[in-house]
């Protein structure tokens, strides 16, 4: 990123093609549009990744809550719930404690 933001980031004489591309991206309307498109693509990918991560975390949290209710209702043991969720028994106990 420094190459694009700082004029002295490298020797223009040694890197003429990079200098040309840098000037086009920074100094022309077309270049700014290209950079804007790239930034929007990256932004969309980050949002999609964040949504996917959030879904996975939500599913895991929901699974722990459901198993915690089954333990609290006496239908499943703490050890069985932990094995089903792939966590240790203390995680199930913390979930129960958090629910009150």
PDB file of N, CA and C in Angstrom:
ATOM      1  N   UNK A   1       0.820  -1.179   0.000  1.00  0.00           N
ATOM      2  CA  UNK A   1       0.000   0.000   0.000  1.00  0.00           C
ATOM      3  C   UNK A   1       0.870   1.251   0.000  1.00  0.00           C
ATOM      4  N   UNK A   2       2.002   1.171   0.649  1.00  0.00           N
ATOM      5  CA  UNK A   2       2.914   2.315   0.723  1.00  0.00           C
ATOM      6  C   UNK A   2       3.346   2.761  -0.671  1.00  0.00           C
ATOM      7  N   UNK A   3       3.468   1.808  -1.585  1.00  0.00           N
ATOM      8  CA  UNK A   3       3.877   2.124  -2.952  1.00  0.00           C
ATOM      9  C   UNK A   3       2.868   3.068  -3.615  1.00  0.00           C
ATOM     10  N   UNK A   4       1.587   2.896  -3.292  1.00  0.00           N
ATOM     11  CA  UNK A   4       0.561   3.751  -3.885  1.00  0.00           C
ATOM     12  C   UNK A   4       0.400   5.081  -3.151  1.00  0.00           C
ATOM     13  N   UNK A   5       0.676   5.106  -1.866  1.00  0.00           N
ATOM     14  CA  UNK A   5       0.400   6.312  -1.088  1.00  0.00           C
ATOM     15  C   UNK A   5       1.594   7.239  -0.923  1.00  0.00           C
ATOM     16  N   UNK A   6       2.805   6.720  -1.055  1.00  0.00           N
ATOM     17  CA  UNK A   6       3.997   7.536  -0.863  1.00  0.00           C
ATOM     18  C   UNK A   6       4.808   7.606  -2.158  1.00  0.00           C
ATOM     19  N   UNK A   7       5.045   8.812  -2.606  1.00  0.00           N
ATOM     20  CA  UNK A   7       5.781   9.000  -3.865  1.00  0.00           C
ATOM     21  C   UNK A   7       7.199   8.456  -3.773  1.00  0.00           C
ATOM     22  N   UNK A   8       7.810   8.526  -2.606  1.00  0.00           N
ATOM     23  CA  UNK A   8       9.207   8.101  -2.447  1.00  0.00           C
ATOM     24  C   UNK A   8       9.343   6.638  -2.008  1.00  0.00           C
ATOM     25  N   UNK A   9       8.304   5.831  -2.175  1.00  0.00           N
ATOM     26  CA  UNK A   9       8.338   4.453  -1.695  1.00  0.00           C
ATOM     27  C   UNK A   9       9.318   3.583  -2.470  1.00  0.00           C
ATOM     28  N   UNK A  10       9.681   3.988  -3.679  1.00  0.00           N
ATOM     29  CA  UNK A  10      10.638   3.224  -4.485  1.00  0.00           C
ATOM     30  C   UNK A  10      11.205   4.138  -5.552  1.00  0.00           C
ATOM     31  N   UNK A  11      12.234   3.686  -6.207  1.00  0.00           N
ATOM     32  CA  UNK A  11      12.932   4.463  -7.227  1.00  0.00           C
ATOM     33  C   UNK A  11      12.204   4.340  -8.570  1.00  0.00           C
ATOM     34  N   UNK A  12      11.601   5.431  -9.037  1.00  0.00           N
ATOM     35  CA  UNK A  12      10.846   5.392 -10.297  1.00  0.00           C
ATOM     36  C   UNK A  12      11.731   5.029 -11.488  1.00  0.00           C
ATOM     37  N   UNK A  13      12.993   5.382 -11.438  1.00  0.00           N
ATOM     38  CA  UNK A  13      13.900   5.047 -12.525  1.00  0.00           C
ATOM     39  C   UNK A  13      14.114   3.553 -12.662  1.00  0.00           C
ATOM     40  N   UNK A  14      14.099   2.855 -11.545  1.00  0.00           N
ATOM     41  CA  UNK A  14      14.305   1.406 -11.559  1.00  0.00           C
ATOM     42  C   UNK A  14      13.019   0.642 -11.854  1.00  0.00           C
ATOM     43  N   UNK A  15      11.870   1.270 -11.611  1.00  0.00           N
ATOM     44  CA  UNK A  15      10.579   0.587 -11.782  1.00  0.00           C
ATOM     45  C   UNK A  15       9.642   1.437 -12.641  1.00  0.00           C
ATOM     46  N   UNK A  16       9.981   1.650 -13.898  1.00  0.00           N
ATOM     47  CA  UNK A  16       9.179   2.543 -14.737  1.00  0.00           C
ATOM     48  C   UNK A  16       7.752   2.039 -14.981  1.00  0.00           C
ATOM     49  N   UNK A  17       7.569   0.749 -15.151  1.00  0.00           N
ATOM     50  CA  UNK A  17       6.228   0.222 -15.417  1.00  0.00           C
ATOM     51  C   UNK A  17       5.338   0.378 -14.180  1.00  0.00           C
ATOM     52  N   UNK A  18       5.874   0.064 -13.032  1.00  0.00           N
ATOM     53  CA  UNK A  18       5.123   0.242 -11.781  1.00  0.00           C
ATOM     54  C   UNK A  18       4.770   1.704 -11.595  1.00  0.00           C
ATOM     55  N   UNK A  19       5.702   2.584 -11.912  1.00  0.00           N
ATOM     56  CA  UNK A  19       5.452   4.027 -11.798  1.00  0.00           C
ATOM     57  C   UNK A  19       4.328   4.454 -12.731  1.00  0.00           C
ATOM     58  N   UNK A  20       4.318   3.932 -13.930  1.00  0.00           N
ATOM     59  CA  UNK A  20       3.283   4.282 -14.907  1.00  0.00           C
ATOM     60  C   UNK A  20       1.911   3.839 -14.404  1.00  0.00           C
ATOM     61  N   UNK A  21       1.831   2.617 -13.924  1.00  0.00           N
ATOM     62  CA  UNK A  21       0.558   2.091 -13.431  1.00  0.00           C
ATOM     63  C   UNK A  21       0.107   2.885 -12.206  1.00  0.00           C
ATOM     64  N   UNK A  22       1.048   3.184 -11.338  1.00  0.00           N
ATOM     65  CA  UNK A  22       0.724   3.953 -10.136  1.00  0.00           C
ATOM     66  C   UNK A  22       0.147   5.316 -10.517  1.00  0.00           C
ATOM     67  N   UNK A  23       0.793   5.998 -11.460  1.00  0.00           N
ATOM     68  CA  UNK A  23       0.292   7.304 -11.898  1.00  0.00           C
ATOM     69  C   UNK A  23      -1.119   7.184 -12.479  1.00  0.00           C
ATOM     70  N   UNK A  24      -1.343   6.146 -13.302  1.00  0.00           N
ATOM     71  CA  UNK A  24      -2.676   5.960 -13.897  1.00  0.00           C
ATOM     72  C   UNK A  24      -3.727   5.749 -12.817  1.00  0.00           C
ATOM     73  N   UNK A  25      -3.417   4.920 -11.826  1.00  0.00           N
ATOM     74  CA  UNK A  25      -4.383   4.634 -10.769  1.00  0.00           C
ATOM     75  C   UNK A  25      -4.669   5.858  -9.903  1.00  0.00           C
ATOM     76  N   UNK A  26      -3.649   6.648  -9.659  1.00  0.00           N
ATOM     77  CA  UNK A  26      -3.815   7.803  -8.777  1.00  0.00           C
ATOM     78  C   UNK A  26      -4.300   9.055  -9.484  1.00  0.00           C
ATOM     79  N   UNK A  27      -3.925   9.230 -10.745  1.00  0.00           N
ATOM     80  CA  UNK A  27      -4.101  10.531 -11.376  1.00  0.00           C
ATOM     81  C   UNK A  27      -5.135  10.586 -12.492  1.00  0.00           C
ATOM     82  N   UNK A  28      -5.729   9.448 -12.862  1.00  0.00           N
ATOM     83  CA  UNK A  28      -6.734   9.483 -13.927  1.00  0.00           C
ATOM     84  C   UNK A  28      -8.080   9.011 -13.383  1.00  0.00           C
ATOM     85  N   UNK A  29      -9.132   9.502 -13.999  1.00  0.00           N
ATOM     86  CA  UNK A  29     -10.481   9.099 -13.595  1.00  0.00           C
ATOM     87  C   UNK A  29     -10.665   7.593 -13.788  1.00  0.00           C
ATOM     88  N   UNK A  30     -10.175   7.072 -14.897  1.00  0.00           N
ATOM     89  CA  UNK A  30     -10.273   5.638 -15.169  1.00  0.00           C
ATOM     90  C   UNK A  30      -9.555   4.827 -14.084  1.00  0.00           C
ATOM     91  N   UNK A  31      -8.365   5.274 -13.712  1.00  0.00           N
ATOM     92  CA  UNK A  31      -7.595   4.585 -12.684  1.00  0.00           C
ATOM     93  C   UNK A  31      -8.311   4.592 -11.343  1.00  0.00           C
ATOM     94  N   UNK A  32      -8.880   5.751 -10.985  1.00  0.00           N
ATOM     95  CA  UNK A  32      -9.618   5.835  -9.722  1.00  0.00           C
ATOM     96  C   UNK A  32     -10.844   4.918  -9.745  1.00  0.00           C
ATOM     97  N   UNK A  33     -11.506   4.823 -10.895  1.00  0.00           N
ATOM     98  CA  UNK A  33     -12.657   3.910 -11.012  1.00  0.00           C
ATOM     99  C   UNK A  33     -12.208   2.461 -10.857  1.00  0.00           C
ATOM    100  N   UNK A  34     -11.074   2.125 -11.483  1.00  0.00           N
ATOM    101  CA  UNK A  34     -10.542   0.766 -11.348  1.00  0.00           C
ATOM    102  C   UNK A  34     -10.253   0.444  -9.885  1.00  0.00           C
ATOM    103  N   UNK A  35      -9.600   1.367  -9.196  1.00  0.00           N
ATOM    104  CA  UNK A  35      -9.279   1.148  -7.782  1.00  0.00           C
ATOM    105  C   UNK A  35     -10.557   1.043  -6.961  1.00  0.00           C
ATOM    106  N   UNK A  36     -11.540   1.871  -7.293  1.00  0.00           N
ATOM    107  CA  UNK A  36     -12.817   1.805  -6.584  1.00  0.00           C
ATOM    108  C   UNK A  36     -13.489   0.460  -6.765  1.00  0.00           C
ATOM    109  N   UNK A  37     -13.420  -0.080  -7.984  1.00  0.00           N
ATOM    110  CA  UNK A  37     -14.013  -1.392  -8.252  1.00  0.00           C
ATOM    111  C   UNK A  37     -13.314  -2.481  -7.452  1.00  0.00           C
ATOM    112  N   UNK A  38     -12.002  -2.413  -7.398  1.00  0.00           N
ATOM    113  CA  UNK A  38     -11.235  -3.408  -6.637  1.00  0.00           C
ATOM    114  C   UNK A  38     -11.588  -3.312  -5.160  1.00  0.00           C
ATOM    115  N   UNK A  39     -11.665  -2.111  -4.660  1.00  0.00           N
ATOM    116  CA  UNK A  39     -11.997  -1.917  -3.241  1.00  0.00           C
ATOM    117  C   UNK A  39     -13.398  -2.453  -2.948  1.00  0.00           C
ATOM    118  N   UNK A  40     -14.338  -2.207  -3.838  1.00  0.00           N
ATOM    119  CA  UNK A  40     -15.696  -2.720  -3.634  1.00  0.00           C
ATOM    120  C   UNK A  40     -15.727  -4.246  -3.648  1.00  0.00           C
ATOM    121  N   UNK A  41     -14.933  -4.866  -4.529  1.00  0.00           N
ATOM    122  CA  UNK A  41     -14.860  -6.331  -4.555  1.00  0.00           C
ATOM    123  C   UNK A  41     -14.306  -6.868  -3.240  1.00  0.00           C
ATOM    124  N   UNK A  42     -13.245  -6.253  -2.761  1.00  0.00           N
ATOM    125  CA  UNK A  42     -12.643  -6.675  -1.483  1.00  0.00           C
ATOM    126  C   UNK A  42     -13.640  -6.484  -0.350  1.00  0.00           C
ATOM    127  N   UNK A  43     -14.328  -5.355  -0.356  1.00  0.00           N
ATOM    128  CA  UNK A  43     -15.323  -5.060   0.676  1.00  0.00           C
ATOM    129  C   UNK A  43     -16.421  -6.117   0.660  1.00  0.00           C
ATOM    130  N   UNK A  44     -16.928  -6.466  -0.512  1.00  0.00           N
ATOM    131  CA  UNK A  44     -17.986  -7.473  -0.622  1.00  0.00           C
ATOM    132  C   UNK A  44     -17.504  -8.835  -0.119  1.00  0.00           C
ATOM    133  N   UNK A  45     -16.257  -9.194  -0.438  1.00  0.00           N
ATOM    134  CA  UNK A  45     -15.699 -10.458   0.040  1.00  0.00           C
ATOM    135  C   UNK A  45     -15.592 -10.455   1.562  1.00  0.00           C
ATOM    136  N   UNK A  46     -15.168  -9.343   2.130  1.00  0.00           N
ATOM    137  CA  UNK A  46     -15.046  -9.241   3.593  1.00  0.00           C
ATOM    138  C   UNK A  46     -16.405  -9.354   4.262  1.00  0.00           C
ATOM    139  N   UNK A  47     -17.397  -8.705   3.685  1.00  0.00           N
ATOM    140  CA  UNK A  47     -18.744  -8.785   4.242  1.00  0.00           C
ATOM    141  C   UNK A  47     -19.256 -10.216   4.175  1.00  0.00           C
ATOM    142  N   UNK A  48     -19.082 -10.866   3.030  1.00  0.00           N
ATOM    143  CA  UNK A  48     -19.541 -12.252   2.875  1.00  0.00           C
ATOM    144  C   UNK A  48     -18.841 -13.166   3.873  1.00  0.00           C
ATOM    145  N   UNK A  49     -17.550 -12.965   4.050  1.00  0.00           N
ATOM    146  CA  UNK A  49     -16.798 -13.779   5.003  1.00  0.00           C
ATOM    147  C   UNK A  49     -17.289 -13.533   6.422  1.00  0.00           C
ATOM    148  N   UNK A  50     -17.569 -12.276   6.742  1.00  0.00           N
ATOM    149  CA  UNK A  50     -18.080 -11.943   8.068  1.00  0.00           C
ATOM    150  C   UNK A  50     -19.441 -12.562   8.323  1.00  0.00           C
ATOM    151  N   UNK A  51     -20.299 -12.551   7.310  1.00  0.00           N
ATOM    152  CA  UNK A  51     -21.622 -13.163   7.447  1.00  0.00           C
ATOM    153  C   UNK A  51     -21.482 -14.661   7.683  1.00  0.00           C
ATOM    154  N   UNK A  52     -20.628 -15.297   6.906  1.00  0.00           N
ATOM    155  CA  UNK A  52     -20.420 -16.742   7.056  1.00  0.00           C
ATOM    156  C   UNK A  52     -19.869 -17.080   8.438  1.00  0.00           C
ATOM    157  N   UNK A  53     -18.915 -16.302   8.898  1.00  0.00           N
ATOM    158  CA  UNK A  53     -18.349 -16.514  10.231  1.00  0.00           C
ATOM    159  C   UNK A  53     -19.421 -16.326  11.296  1.00  0.00           C
ATOM    160  N   UNK A  54     -20.227 -15.283  11.141  1.00  0.00           N
ATOM    161  CA  UNK A  54     -21.307 -15.026  12.093  1.00  0.00           C
ATOM    162  C   UNK A  54     -22.318 -16.160  12.134  1.00  0.00           C
ATOM    163  N   UNK A  55     -22.650 -16.689  10.974  1.00  0.00           N
ATOM    164  CA  UNK A  55     -23.586 -17.818  10.924  1.00  0.00           C
ATOM    165  C   UNK A  55     -23.015 -19.028  11.655  1.00  0.00           C
ATOM    166  N   UNK A  56     -21.750 -19.330  11.395  1.00  0.00           N
ATOM    167  CA  UNK A  56     -21.117 -20.488  12.036  1.00  0.00           C
ATOM    168  C   UNK A  56     -21.086 -20.309  13.553  1.00  0.00           C
ATOM    169  N   UNK A  57     -20.739 -19.101  13.994  1.00  0.00           N
ATOM    170  CA  UNK A  57     -20.702 -18.840  15.434  1.00  0.00           C
ATOM    171  C   UNK A  57     -22.109 -18.932  16.030  1.00  0.00           C
ATOM    172  N   UNK A  58     -23.096 -18.411  15.308  1.00  0.00           N
ATOM    173  CA  UNK A  58     -24.480 -18.473  15.778  1.00  0.00           C
ATOM    174  C   UNK A  58     -24.986 -19.901  15.896  1.00  0.00           C
ATOM    175  N   UNK A  59     -24.640 -20.732  14.916  1.00  0.00           N
ATOM    176  CA  UNK A  59     -25.052 -22.138  14.962  1.00  0.00           C
ATOM    177  C   UNK A  59     -24.430 -22.839  16.168  1.00  0.00           C
ATOM    178  N   UNK A  60     -23.153 -22.590  16.393  1.00  0.00           N
ATOM    179  CA  UNK A  60     -22.462 -23.221  17.521  1.00  0.00           C
ATOM    180  C   UNK A  60     -23.077 -22.763  18.842  1.00  0.00           C
ATOM    181  N   UNK A  61     -23.354 -21.467  18.942  1.00  0.00           N
ATOM    182  CA  UNK A  61     -23.954 -20.933  20.155  1.00  0.00           C
ATOM    183  C   UNK A  61     -25.350 -21.522  20.369  1.00  0.00           C
ATOM    184  N   UNK A  62     -26.135 -21.603  19.301  1.00  0.00           N
ATOM    185  CA  UNK A  62     -27.473 -22.175  19.399  1.00  0.00           C
ATOM    186  C   UNK A  62     -27.449 -23.634  19.811  1.00  0.00           C
ATOM    187  N   UNK A  63     -26.489 -24.372  19.276  1.00  0.00           N
ATOM    188  CA  UNK A  63     -26.349 -25.786  19.630  1.00  0.00           C
ATOM    189  C   UNK A  63     -26.033 -25.928  21.119  1.00  0.00           C
ATOM    190  N   UNK A  64     -25.122 -25.085  21.622  1.00  0.00           N
ATOM    191  CA  UNK A  64     -24.784 -25.138  23.048  1.00  0.00           C
ATOM    192  C   UNK A  64     -25.995 -24.780  23.910  1.00  0.00           C
ATOM    193  N   UNK A  65     -26.753 -23.767  23.493  1.00  0.00           N
ATOM    194  CA  UNK A  65     -27.932 -23.376  24.267  1.00  0.00           C
ATOM    195  C   UNK A  65     -28.966 -24.495  24.293  1.00  0.00           C
ATOM    196  N   UNK A  66     -29.203 -25.124  23.142  1.00  0.00           N
ATOM    197  CA  UNK A  66     -30.183 -26.214  23.078  1.00  0.00           C
ATOM    198  C   UNK A  66     -29.741 -27.395  23.945  1.00  0.00           C
ATOM    199  N   UNK A  67     -28.469 -27.742  23.857  1.00  0.00           N
ATOM    200  CA  UNK A  67     -27.973 -28.848  24.687  1.00  0.00           C
ATOM    201  C   UNK A  67     -28.021 -28.474  26.162  1.00  0.00           C
ATOM    202  N   UNK A  68     -27.748 -27.211  26.463  1.00  0.00           N
ATOM    203  CA  UNK A  68     -27.836 -26.754  27.848  1.00  0.00           C
ATOM    204  C   UNK A  68     -29.251 -26.902  28.394  1.00  0.00           C
ATOM    205  N   UNK A  69     -30.258 -26.577  27.572  1.00  0.00           N
ATOM    206  CA  UNK A  69     -31.650 -26.747  28.010  1.00  0.00           C
ATOM    207  C   UNK A  69     -31.975 -28.224  28.262  1.00  0.00           C
ATOM    208  N   UNK A  70     -31.449 -29.090  27.376  1.00  0.00           N
ATOM    209  CA  UNK A  70     -31.685 -30.524  27.574  1.00  0.00           C
ATOM    210  C   UNK A  70     -31.044 -31.012  28.863  1.00  0.00           C
ATOM    211  N   UNK A  71     -29.866 -30.498  29.182  1.00  0.00           N
ATOM    212  CA  UNK A  71     -29.202 -30.868  30.441  1.00  0.00           C
ATOM    213  C   UNK A  71     -30.017 -30.339  31.614  1.00  0.00           C
ATOM    214  N   UNK A  72     -30.412 -29.063  31.540  1.00  0.00           N
ATOM    215  CA  UNK A  72     -31.177 -28.440  32.626  1.00  0.00           C
ATOM    216  C   UNK A  72     -32.496 -29.184  32.873  1.00  0.00           C
ATOM    217  N   UNK A  73     -33.115 -29.681  31.792  1.00  0.00           N
ATOM    218  CA  UNK A  73     -34.376 -30.416  31.913  1.00  0.00           C
ATOM    219  C   UNK A  73     -34.169 -31.874  32.321  1.00  0.00           C
ATOM    220  N   UNK A  74     -32.915 -32.296  32.457  1.00  0.00           N
ATOM    221  CA  UNK A  74     -32.614 -33.650  32.897  1.00  0.00           C
ATOM    222  C   UNK A  74     -32.746 -34.704  31.815  1.00  0.00           C
ATOM    223  N   UNK A  75     -32.803 -34.288  30.561  1.00  0.00           N
ATOM    224  CA  UNK A  75     -32.975 -35.248  29.468  1.00  0.00           C
ATOM    225  C   UNK A  75     -31.648 -35.779  28.933  1.00  0.00           C
ATOM    226  N   UNK A  76     -30.579 -35.014  29.173  1.00  0.00           N
ATOM    227  CA  UNK A  76     -29.251 -35.385  28.679  1.00  0.00           C
ATOM    228  C   UNK A  76     -28.246 -35.058  29.777  1.00  0.00           C
ATOM    229  N   UNK A  77     -27.226 -35.895  29.917  1.00  0.00           N
ATOM    230  CA  UNK A  77     -26.185 -35.612  30.906  1.00  0.00           C
ATOM    231  C   UNK A  77     -25.231 -34.538  30.384  1.00  0.00           C
ATOM    232  N   UNK A  78     -24.529 -33.886  31.286  1.00  0.00           N
ATOM    233  CA  UNK A  78     -23.549 -32.874  30.896  1.00  0.00           C
ATOM    234  C   UNK A  78     -22.499 -33.497  29.979  1.00  0.00           C
ATOM    235  N   UNK A  79     -22.054 -34.715  30.310  1.00  0.00           N
ATOM    236  CA  UNK A  79     -21.021 -35.374  29.516  1.00  0.00           C
ATOM    237  C   UNK A  79     -21.533 -35.693  28.106  1.00  0.00           C
ATOM    238  N   UNK A  80     -22.775 -36.160  28.001  1.00  0.00           N
ATOM    239  CA  UNK A  80     -23.334 -36.474  26.682  1.00  0.00           C
ATOM    240  C   UNK A  80     -23.516 -35.203  25.844  1.00  0.00           C
ATOM    241  N   UNK A  81     -23.978 -34.141  26.480  1.00  0.00           N
ATOM    242  CA  UNK A  81     -24.155 -32.870  25.779  1.00  0.00           C
ATOM    243  C   UNK A  81     -22.812 -32.352  25.279  1.00  0.00           C
ATOM    244  N   UNK A  82     -21.806 -32.437  26.122  1.00  0.00           N
ATOM    245  CA  UNK A  82     -20.473 -31.975  25.737  1.00  0.00           C
ATOM    246  C   UNK A  82     -19.935 -32.795  24.572  1.00  0.00           C
ATOM    247  N   UNK A  83     -20.115 -34.096  24.628  1.00  0.00           N
ATOM    248  CA  UNK A  83     -19.642 -34.961  23.537  1.00  0.00           C
ATOM    249  C   UNK A  83     -20.379 -34.628  22.240  1.00  0.00           C
ATOM    250  N   UNK A  84     -21.662 -34.374  22.322  1.00  0.00           N
ATOM    251  CA  UNK A  84     -22.437 -34.049  21.135  1.00  0.00           C
ATOM    252  C   UNK A  84     -22.010 -32.721  20.516  1.00  0.00           C
ATOM    253  N   UNK A  85     -21.683 -31.755  21.380  1.00  0.00           N
ATOM    254  CA  UNK A  85     -21.278 -30.427  20.891  1.00  0.00           C
ATOM    255  C   UNK A  85     -19.806 -30.366  20.533  1.00  0.00           C
ATOM    256  N   UNK A  86     -19.047 -31.368  20.943  1.00  0.00           N
ATOM    257  CA  UNK A  86     -17.609 -31.350  20.668  1.00  0.00           C
ATOM    258  C   UNK A  86     -16.854 -30.373  21.560  1.00  0.00           C
ATOM    259  N   UNK A  87     -17.368 -30.174  22.775  1.00  0.00           N
ATOM    260  CA  UNK A  87     -16.715 -29.283  23.741  1.00  0.00           C
ATOM    261  C   UNK A  87     -16.517 -30.059  25.029  1.00  0.00           C
ATOM    262  N   UNK A  88     -15.820 -29.442  25.984  1.00  0.00           N
ATOM    263  CA  UNK A  88     -15.675 -30.124  27.265  1.00  0.00           C
ATOM    264  C   UNK A  88     -16.889 -29.806  28.149  1.00  0.00           C
ATOM    265  N   UNK A  89     -17.069 -30.600  29.188  1.00  0.00           N
ATOM    266  CA  UNK A  89     -18.235 -30.457  30.059  1.00  0.00           C
ATOM    267  C   UNK A  89     -18.300 -29.076  30.703  1.00  0.00           C
ATOM    268  N   UNK A  90     -17.131 -28.475  30.965  1.00  0.00           N
ATOM    269  CA  UNK A  90     -17.126 -27.143  31.575  1.00  0.00           C
ATOM    270  C   UNK A  90     -17.793 -26.106  30.673  1.00  0.00           C
ATOM    271  N   UNK A  91     -17.679 -26.255  29.370  1.00  0.00           N
ATOM    272  CA  UNK A  91     -18.318 -25.326  28.442  1.00  0.00           C
ATOM    273  C   UNK A  91     -19.836 -25.415  28.568  1.00  0.00           C
ATOM    274  N   UNK A  92     -20.360 -26.620  28.733  1.00  0.00           N
ATOM    275  CA  UNK A  92     -21.801 -26.805  28.929  1.00  0.00           C
ATOM    276  C   UNK A  92     -22.210 -26.167  30.255  1.00  0.00           C
ATOM    277  N   UNK A  93     -21.413 -26.378  31.291  1.00  0.00           N
ATOM    278  CA  UNK A  93     -21.721 -25.775  32.599  1.00  0.00           C
ATOM    279  C   UNK A  93     -21.704 -24.248  32.521  1.00  0.00           C
ATOM    280  N   UNK A  94     -20.759 -23.677  31.768  1.00  0.00           N
ATOM    281  CA  UNK A  94     -20.716 -22.207  31.613  1.00  0.00           C
ATOM    282  C   UNK A  94     -21.958 -21.712  30.871  1.00  0.00           C
ATOM    283  N   UNK A  95     -22.393 -22.478  29.881  1.00  0.00           N
ATOM    284  CA  UNK A  95     -23.597 -22.104  29.151  1.00  0.00           C
ATOM    285  C   UNK A  95     -24.803 -22.111  30.082  1.00  0.00           C
ATOM    286  N   UNK A  96     -24.897 -23.143  30.914  1.00  0.00           N
ATOM    287  CA  UNK A  96     -26.001 -23.220  31.878  1.00  0.00           C
ATOM    288  C   UNK A  96     -25.948 -22.044  32.864  1.00  0.00           C
ATOM    289  N   UNK A  97     -24.759 -21.728  33.340  1.00  0.00           N
ATOM    290  CA  UNK A  97     -24.606 -20.626  34.297  1.00  0.00           C
ATOM    291  C   UNK A  97     -24.978 -19.291  33.662  1.00  0.00           C
ATOM    292  N   UNK A  98     -24.633 -19.110  32.390  1.00  0.00           N
ATOM    293  CA  UNK A  98     -24.938 -17.859  31.697  1.00  0.00           C
ATOM    294  C   UNK A  98     -26.441 -17.686  31.487  1.00  0.00           C
ATOM    295  N   UNK A  99     -27.158 -18.801  31.350  1.00  0.00           N
ATOM    296  CA  UNK A  99     -28.591 -18.730  31.140  1.00  0.00           C
ATOM    297  C   UNK A  99     -29.339 -18.468  32.450  1.00  0.00           C
ATOM    298  N   UNK A 100     -28.657 -18.703  33.566  1.00  0.00           N
ATOM    299  CA  UNK A 100     -29.271 -18.430  34.867  1.00  0.00           C
ATOM    300  C   UNK A 100     -29.959 -19.584  35.387  1.00  0.00           C
TER     301      UNK A 100
END
